[in-house]
Protein backbone atom coordinates (compact mmCIF):
# COMPACT_ATOMS: atom_id res chain seq x y z
CA UNK A 1 -70.64 -140.85 -109.25
CA UNK A 2 -74.24 -141.15 -108.11
CA UNK A 3 -73.30 -140.01 -104.61
CA UNK A 4 -71.47 -137.03 -106.04
CA UNK A 5 -74.56 -136.01 -108.04
CA UNK A 6 -76.74 -136.37 -104.96
CA UNK A 7 -74.41 -134.14 -102.97
CA UNK A 8 -74.45 -131.51 -105.71
CA UNK A 9 -78.26 -131.64 -105.78
CA UNK A 10 -78.43 -131.26 -101.97
CA UNK A 11 -76.08 -128.28 -102.10
CA UNK A 12 -78.19 -126.62 -104.80
CA UNK A 13 -81.38 -127.23 -102.81
CA UNK A 14 -79.78 -125.87 -99.66
CA UNK A 15 -78.59 -122.81 -101.57
CA UNK A 16 -82.07 -122.23 -103.01
CA UNK A 17 -83.58 -122.49 -99.51
CA UNK A 18 -81.13 -119.90 -98.18
CA UNK A 19 -81.95 -117.61 -101.09
CA UNK A 20 -85.69 -118.01 -100.45
CA UNK A 21 -85.16 -117.22 -96.76
CA UNK A 22 -83.16 -114.13 -97.67
CA UNK A 23 -85.89 -113.00 -100.05
CA UNK A 24 -88.57 -113.52 -97.40
CA UNK A 25 -86.47 -111.62 -94.85
CA UNK A 26 -85.95 -108.75 -97.31
CA UNK A 27 -89.68 -108.64 -98.02
CA UNK A 28 -90.50 -108.62 -94.31
CA UNK A 29 -87.92 -105.91 -93.71
CA UNK A 30 -89.33 -103.86 -96.59
CA UNK A 31 -92.87 -104.34 -95.26
CA UNK A 32 -91.76 -103.25 -91.78
CA UNK A 33 -90.01 -100.16 -93.18
CA UNK A 34 -93.13 -99.26 -95.17
CA UNK A 35 -95.21 -99.57 -91.98
CA UNK A 36 -92.77 -97.37 -90.05
CA UNK A 37 -92.76 -94.75 -92.81
CA UNK A 38 -96.55 -94.88 -93.10
CA UNK A 39 -96.94 -94.57 -89.33
CA UNK A 40 -94.49 -91.67 -89.24
CA UNK A 41 -96.32 -89.95 -92.10
CA UNK A 42 -99.65 -90.49 -90.31
CA UNK A 43 -98.34 -89.08 -87.04
CA UNK A 44 -96.79 -86.08 -88.81
CA UNK A 45 -99.94 -85.42 -90.86
CA UNK A 46 -102.24 -85.70 -87.84
CA UNK A 47 -99.95 -83.49 -85.75
CA UNK A 48 -99.88 -80.83 -88.48
CA UNK A 49 -103.67 -81.02 -88.75
CA UNK A 50 -103.89 -80.36 -85.03
CA UNK A 51 -101.50 -77.40 -85.31
CA UNK A 52 -103.58 -75.99 -88.17
CA UNK A 53 -106.68 -76.02 -85.94
CA UNK A 54 -104.88 -74.13 -83.16
CA UNK A 55 -104.74 -70.36 -83.48
CA UNK A 56 -102.22 -69.37 -80.85
CA UNK A 57 -98.75 -70.13 -79.62
CA UNK A 58 -97.05 -70.09 -76.25
CA UNK A 59 -93.53 -70.26 -77.56
CA UNK A 60 -90.95 -72.91 -76.77
CA UNK A 61 -91.55 -75.44 -74.02
CA UNK A 62 -89.61 -74.98 -70.81
CA UNK A 63 -89.41 -71.20 -71.18
CA UNK A 64 -89.62 -70.71 -67.39
CA UNK A 65 -86.81 -71.39 -64.92
CA UNK A 66 -88.04 -74.18 -62.66
CA UNK A 67 -86.21 -75.91 -59.82
CA UNK A 68 -88.64 -78.64 -58.82
CA UNK A 69 -87.49 -81.73 -56.95
CA UNK A 70 -85.77 -84.41 -59.01
CA UNK A 71 -88.29 -86.89 -60.36
CA UNK A 72 -88.26 -90.58 -61.18
CA UNK A 73 -90.67 -92.51 -63.36
CA UNK A 74 -92.32 -94.23 -60.37
CA UNK A 75 -93.94 -91.23 -58.68
CA UNK A 76 -94.20 -87.54 -59.48
CA UNK A 77 -96.20 -84.34 -58.98
CA UNK A 78 -96.96 -81.94 -61.81
CA UNK A 79 -98.03 -78.35 -61.20
CA UNK A 80 -100.89 -77.45 -63.57
CA UNK A 81 -101.63 -73.76 -64.05
CA UNK A 82 -104.49 -72.44 -66.15
CA UNK A 83 -104.21 -68.84 -67.35
CA UNK A 84 -106.33 -66.48 -69.42
CA UNK A 85 -103.65 -64.78 -71.47
CA UNK A 86 -100.57 -66.37 -73.01
CA UNK A 87 -97.23 -65.06 -71.88
CA UNK A 88 -98.45 -61.80 -70.31
CA UNK A 89 -95.95 -60.77 -67.71
CA UNK A 90 -98.41 -60.01 -64.91
CA UNK A 91 -101.24 -62.47 -65.55
CA UNK A 92 -102.51 -64.41 -62.54
CA UNK A 93 -103.16 -68.14 -62.47
CA UNK A 94 -106.87 -68.72 -62.91
CA UNK A 95 -106.65 -72.42 -62.05
CA UNK A 96 -104.06 -74.09 -59.79
CA UNK A 97 -103.80 -77.87 -59.61
CA UNK A 98 -101.35 -80.62 -58.71
CA UNK A 99 -101.58 -83.82 -60.76
CA UNK A 100 -100.11 -86.85 -58.99
CA UNK A 101 -98.85 -90.03 -60.69
CA UNK A 102 -97.82 -93.23 -58.92
CA UNK A 103 -96.70 -96.25 -60.93
CA UNK A 104 -97.44 -98.83 -58.22
CA UNK A 105 -101.05 -97.86 -57.63
CA UNK A 106 -101.71 -96.56 -61.17
CA UNK A 107 -104.16 -94.26 -59.39
CA UNK A 108 -104.54 -90.82 -60.96
CA UNK A 109 -105.04 -88.03 -58.42
CA UNK A 110 -105.64 -84.33 -58.80
CA UNK A 111 -105.61 -81.55 -56.21
CA UNK A 112 -107.29 -78.19 -56.80
CA UNK A 113 -105.93 -75.29 -54.76
CA UNK A 114 -108.31 -72.37 -54.36
CA UNK A 115 -106.78 -69.32 -55.97
CA UNK A 116 -107.97 -66.92 -53.23
CA UNK A 117 -106.22 -68.84 -50.42
CA UNK A 118 -104.35 -66.32 -48.28
CA UNK A 119 -100.78 -67.60 -48.00
CA UNK A 120 -97.17 -66.54 -47.56
CA UNK A 121 -95.48 -65.89 -50.92
CA UNK A 122 -91.68 -66.04 -50.56
CA UNK A 123 -90.24 -62.55 -50.97
CA UNK A 124 -93.66 -60.90 -51.34
CA UNK A 125 -95.42 -61.29 -48.01
CA UNK A 126 -98.99 -62.56 -47.64
CA UNK A 127 -101.29 -62.51 -50.65
CA UNK A 128 -103.68 -64.62 -52.68
CA UNK A 129 -102.15 -67.86 -53.90
CA UNK A 130 -102.81 -67.09 -57.56
CA UNK A 131 -100.72 -63.91 -57.39
CA UNK A 132 -97.56 -66.04 -56.99
CA UNK A 133 -97.64 -66.75 -60.73
CA UNK A 134 -97.86 -63.03 -61.53
CA UNK A 135 -94.93 -62.28 -59.22
CA UNK A 136 -92.60 -65.06 -60.35
CA UNK A 137 -94.15 -67.58 -62.73
CA UNK A 138 -94.33 -71.35 -62.06
CA UNK A 139 -91.16 -71.37 -59.97
CA UNK A 140 -92.52 -68.94 -57.37
CA UNK A 141 -95.81 -70.87 -57.36
CA UNK A 142 -93.82 -74.03 -56.66
CA UNK A 143 -91.95 -72.36 -53.78
CA UNK A 144 -95.20 -70.98 -52.37
CA UNK A 145 -96.91 -74.37 -52.37
CA UNK A 146 -93.87 -76.03 -50.81
CA UNK A 147 -93.52 -73.40 -48.09
CA UNK A 148 -97.20 -73.40 -47.13
CA UNK A 149 -98.22 -77.03 -47.71
CA UNK A 150 -94.96 -78.98 -47.45
CA UNK A 151 -95.24 -80.63 -50.88
CA UNK A 152 -92.83 -80.09 -53.76
CA UNK A 153 -93.59 -80.65 -57.43
CA UNK A 154 -91.31 -82.06 -60.12
CA UNK A 155 -92.64 -80.47 -63.30
CA UNK A 156 -94.98 -77.74 -64.44
CA UNK A 157 -97.47 -77.24 -67.25
CA UNK A 158 -98.96 -73.81 -67.95
CA UNK A 159 -102.14 -74.13 -69.99
CA UNK A 160 -103.85 -71.33 -71.91
CA UNK A 161 -107.61 -71.67 -71.58
CA UNK A 162 -108.06 -70.39 -75.13
CA UNK A 163 -107.14 -73.87 -76.33
CA UNK A 164 -109.55 -75.70 -74.02
CA UNK A 165 -112.47 -75.71 -76.46
CA UNK A 166 -110.45 -77.22 -79.30
CA UNK A 167 -108.84 -79.80 -77.03
CA UNK A 168 -112.21 -80.85 -75.59
CA UNK A 169 -113.76 -81.20 -79.05
CA UNK A 170 -110.79 -83.28 -80.27
CA UNK A 171 -110.93 -85.64 -77.29
CA UNK A 172 -114.73 -85.83 -77.15
CA UNK A 173 -116.22 -84.82 -80.53
CA UNK A 174 -119.63 -86.06 -79.34
CA UNK A 175 -119.44 -83.76 -76.32
CA UNK A 176 -119.39 -84.22 -72.55
CA UNK A 177 -122.64 -84.84 -70.66
CA UNK A 178 -123.11 -82.75 -67.52
CA UNK A 179 -125.97 -81.51 -65.36
CA UNK A 180 -126.16 -77.72 -65.26
CA UNK A 181 -127.60 -76.92 -61.78
CA UNK A 182 -129.10 -73.55 -62.72
CA UNK A 183 -128.92 -70.93 -65.44
CA UNK A 184 -125.35 -69.76 -66.01
CA UNK A 185 -124.56 -66.59 -67.93
CA UNK A 186 -122.66 -63.93 -65.99
CA UNK A 187 -118.99 -63.69 -66.96
CA UNK A 188 -118.95 -66.51 -69.55
CA UNK A 189 -120.33 -64.73 -72.64
CA UNK A 190 -123.23 -67.16 -73.12
CA UNK A 191 -126.27 -68.59 -71.37
CA UNK A 192 -126.43 -72.19 -70.23
CA UNK A 193 -129.90 -73.44 -69.32
CA UNK A 194 -130.35 -75.77 -66.32
CA UNK A 195 -130.68 -79.54 -66.78
CA UNK A 196 -128.78 -82.55 -68.06
CA UNK A 197 -127.20 -81.85 -71.45
CA UNK A 198 -124.24 -82.56 -73.70
CA UNK A 199 -121.84 -79.64 -74.06
CA UNK A 200 -119.15 -79.00 -76.66
CA UNK A 201 -116.16 -76.66 -76.89
CA UNK A 202 -116.96 -73.12 -75.80
CA UNK A 203 -120.07 -74.13 -73.86
CA UNK A 204 -118.09 -76.71 -71.92
CA UNK A 205 -115.49 -74.04 -71.16
CA UNK A 206 -118.27 -71.74 -69.95
CA UNK A 207 -119.54 -74.51 -67.69
CA UNK A 208 -116.16 -75.04 -65.99
CA UNK A 209 -115.41 -71.33 -65.66
CA UNK A 210 -118.69 -69.96 -64.32
CA UNK A 211 -118.39 -68.73 -60.72
CA UNK A 212 -121.01 -66.01 -60.23
CA UNK A 213 -123.35 -67.84 -57.88
CA UNK A 214 -123.53 -68.75 -54.20
CA UNK A 215 -120.79 -71.40 -54.60
CA UNK A 216 -118.39 -69.01 -56.36
CA UNK A 217 -114.96 -70.59 -56.93
CA UNK A 218 -115.91 -73.67 -54.94
CA UNK A 219 -118.55 -74.64 -57.49
CA UNK A 220 -116.18 -73.88 -60.32
CA UNK A 221 -113.44 -76.13 -58.89
CA UNK A 222 -115.96 -78.95 -58.47
CA UNK A 223 -117.03 -78.64 -62.12
CA UNK A 224 -113.43 -78.47 -63.31
CA UNK A 225 -112.60 -81.73 -61.54
CA UNK A 226 -115.76 -83.33 -62.93
CA UNK A 227 -114.96 -82.39 -66.53
CA UNK A 228 -111.26 -83.32 -66.26
CA UNK A 229 -112.28 -86.79 -65.06
CA UNK A 230 -114.70 -87.25 -67.96
CA UNK A 231 -112.22 -85.98 -70.53
CA UNK A 232 -109.61 -88.34 -69.10
CA UNK A 233 -112.00 -91.28 -69.51
CA UNK A 234 -112.61 -90.26 -73.13
CA UNK A 235 -108.90 -89.80 -73.82
CA UNK A 236 -108.17 -93.41 -72.82
CA UNK A 237 -110.71 -94.86 -75.26
CA UNK A 238 -109.27 -96.74 -78.26
CA UNK A 239 -111.10 -94.48 -80.72
CA UNK A 240 -109.44 -91.45 -79.12
CA UNK A 241 -105.94 -92.96 -79.00
CA UNK A 242 -105.91 -93.08 -82.81
CA UNK A 243 -106.22 -89.29 -82.71
CA UNK A 244 -103.37 -88.83 -80.23
CA UNK A 245 -100.98 -87.14 -82.73
CA UNK A 246 -103.68 -84.69 -83.82
CA UNK A 247 -104.64 -84.06 -80.21
CA UNK A 248 -101.05 -83.22 -79.34
CA UNK A 249 -100.91 -80.87 -82.32
CA UNK A 250 -104.00 -79.08 -80.99
CA UNK A 251 -102.67 -78.90 -77.44
CA UNK A 252 -99.03 -78.02 -78.17
CA UNK A 253 -99.47 -74.29 -78.96
CA UNK A 254 -101.47 -73.76 -75.77
CA UNK A 255 -99.17 -75.51 -73.29
CA UNK A 256 -95.74 -74.64 -71.95
CA UNK A 257 -94.22 -77.49 -69.97
CA UNK A 258 -90.87 -78.89 -68.90
CA UNK A 259 -92.07 -82.52 -68.76
CA UNK A 260 -89.65 -84.65 -70.85
CA UNK A 261 -91.23 -86.48 -73.83
CA UNK A 262 -89.96 -89.80 -72.44
CA UNK A 263 -91.99 -89.24 -69.27
CA UNK A 264 -95.16 -88.65 -71.31
CA UNK A 265 -94.60 -91.95 -73.13
CA UNK A 266 -93.94 -93.98 -69.98
CA UNK A 267 -96.93 -92.58 -68.09
CA UNK A 268 -99.20 -93.01 -71.11
CA UNK A 269 -98.11 -96.64 -71.50
CA UNK A 270 -98.76 -97.39 -67.82
CA UNK A 271 -102.26 -95.93 -68.00
CA UNK A 272 -103.08 -97.90 -71.14
CA UNK A 273 -101.89 -101.32 -69.98
CA UNK A 274 -103.03 -100.96 -66.37
CA UNK A 275 -106.48 -101.29 -64.85
CA UNK A 276 -107.32 -97.62 -64.78
CA UNK A 277 -109.14 -96.54 -61.58
CA UNK A 278 -111.37 -93.47 -61.49
CA UNK A 279 -109.71 -90.11 -60.90
CA UNK A 280 -109.44 -89.23 -57.20
CA UNK A 281 -109.67 -85.53 -56.34
CA UNK A 282 -109.11 -83.20 -53.42
CA UNK A 283 -109.85 -79.52 -52.93
CA UNK A 284 -107.79 -77.24 -50.71
CA UNK A 285 -108.78 -75.75 -48.38
CA UNK A 286 -110.73 -78.75 -47.12
CA UNK A 287 -114.19 -78.28 -45.66
CA UNK A 288 -114.28 -76.51 -42.29
CA UNK A 289 -110.67 -75.30 -42.49
CA UNK A 290 -111.17 -71.75 -43.75
CA UNK A 291 -113.11 -68.53 -43.29
CA UNK A 292 -113.94 -65.66 -45.64
CA UNK A 293 -112.14 -62.39 -44.92
CA UNK A 294 -111.46 -59.10 -46.64
CA UNK A 295 -107.92 -57.71 -46.60
CA UNK A 296 -107.28 -54.05 -47.34
CA UNK A 297 -105.56 -53.61 -50.70
CA UNK A 298 -106.07 -57.27 -51.62
CA UNK A 299 -109.81 -57.89 -51.38
CA UNK A 300 -111.76 -61.01 -50.48
CA UNK A 301 -109.58 -63.95 -49.43
CA UNK A 302 -109.85 -67.38 -47.85
CA UNK A 303 -108.12 -67.39 -44.50
CA UNK A 304 -107.10 -71.02 -44.14
CA UNK A 305 -105.82 -73.33 -41.43
CA UNK A 306 -102.45 -74.10 -43.00
CA UNK A 307 -101.54 -77.02 -40.75
CA UNK A 308 -104.84 -78.84 -41.32
CA UNK A 309 -104.61 -78.38 -45.07
CA UNK A 310 -100.93 -79.32 -45.14
CA UNK A 311 -101.74 -82.61 -43.44
CA UNK A 312 -104.75 -83.23 -45.71
CA UNK A 313 -102.65 -82.72 -48.87
CA UNK A 314 -99.77 -84.94 -47.74
CA UNK A 315 -102.16 -87.68 -46.61
CA UNK A 316 -104.01 -87.57 -49.94
CA UNK A 317 -100.87 -87.79 -52.05
CA UNK A 318 -99.19 -90.46 -49.94
């Protein structure tokens, strides 16, 4: 009789323990669901805030036909094109870059190609490199780079410079510190005084776009690479990562790209968990491999040594 009562008591205790475990599990599950919902609401709210601050739209991503080489998540090249006017049929690329990602080295690299380089454009003869975008969008630019420099790209991203100011202010609300070498005013709608200073939004855009001095586009490319490196450093700070959804909302209307969302996530994760080296950069044409010429009907161009620059680009990326 006593043993029977003890067994009943043990069963009741065991049952109560199971019930308590179930209750704890349900509470943990509920807490987790609340966190997921709250996180989703935060991401959505921040993204919408970013969209509200943007005042333009490119349209749907992947609007251009693009036949870049098949990519994997270990190594890839992305064609970055900066333009002045969204979606205009005959706009030329103001900025031409290749961003390189390699999982093993975790070393970010960026190549700036001078827009006045005189090259062969498939189906259009010889012309300035930036005219390839006007003739056939990102796909013709891809073909042109591959034909002249022997490097193919996997994805493209066309960026409207009108969104640069908002993106820069979202990433670096305290501004980016640069040293202005001399007074800059012509062609940028403002005047930047010489000296070390912290620039925001439109002034930072003016700094990277100015080209009316003795260095012309060469100085501009150097400043673009400088600012991209500093913005990248800011973007990887913990305080900036919390604003990632808002930042994407700001950027989204100004960028047309065919990069899959999964690829963004994987690359972003690798940069965050890895020991992030400084951005390495290259400019084409390399020093001593070009001359200034004037071509009738086209204007001032850079006549470049294609073989030397082809080798320099492949060596840099590999």
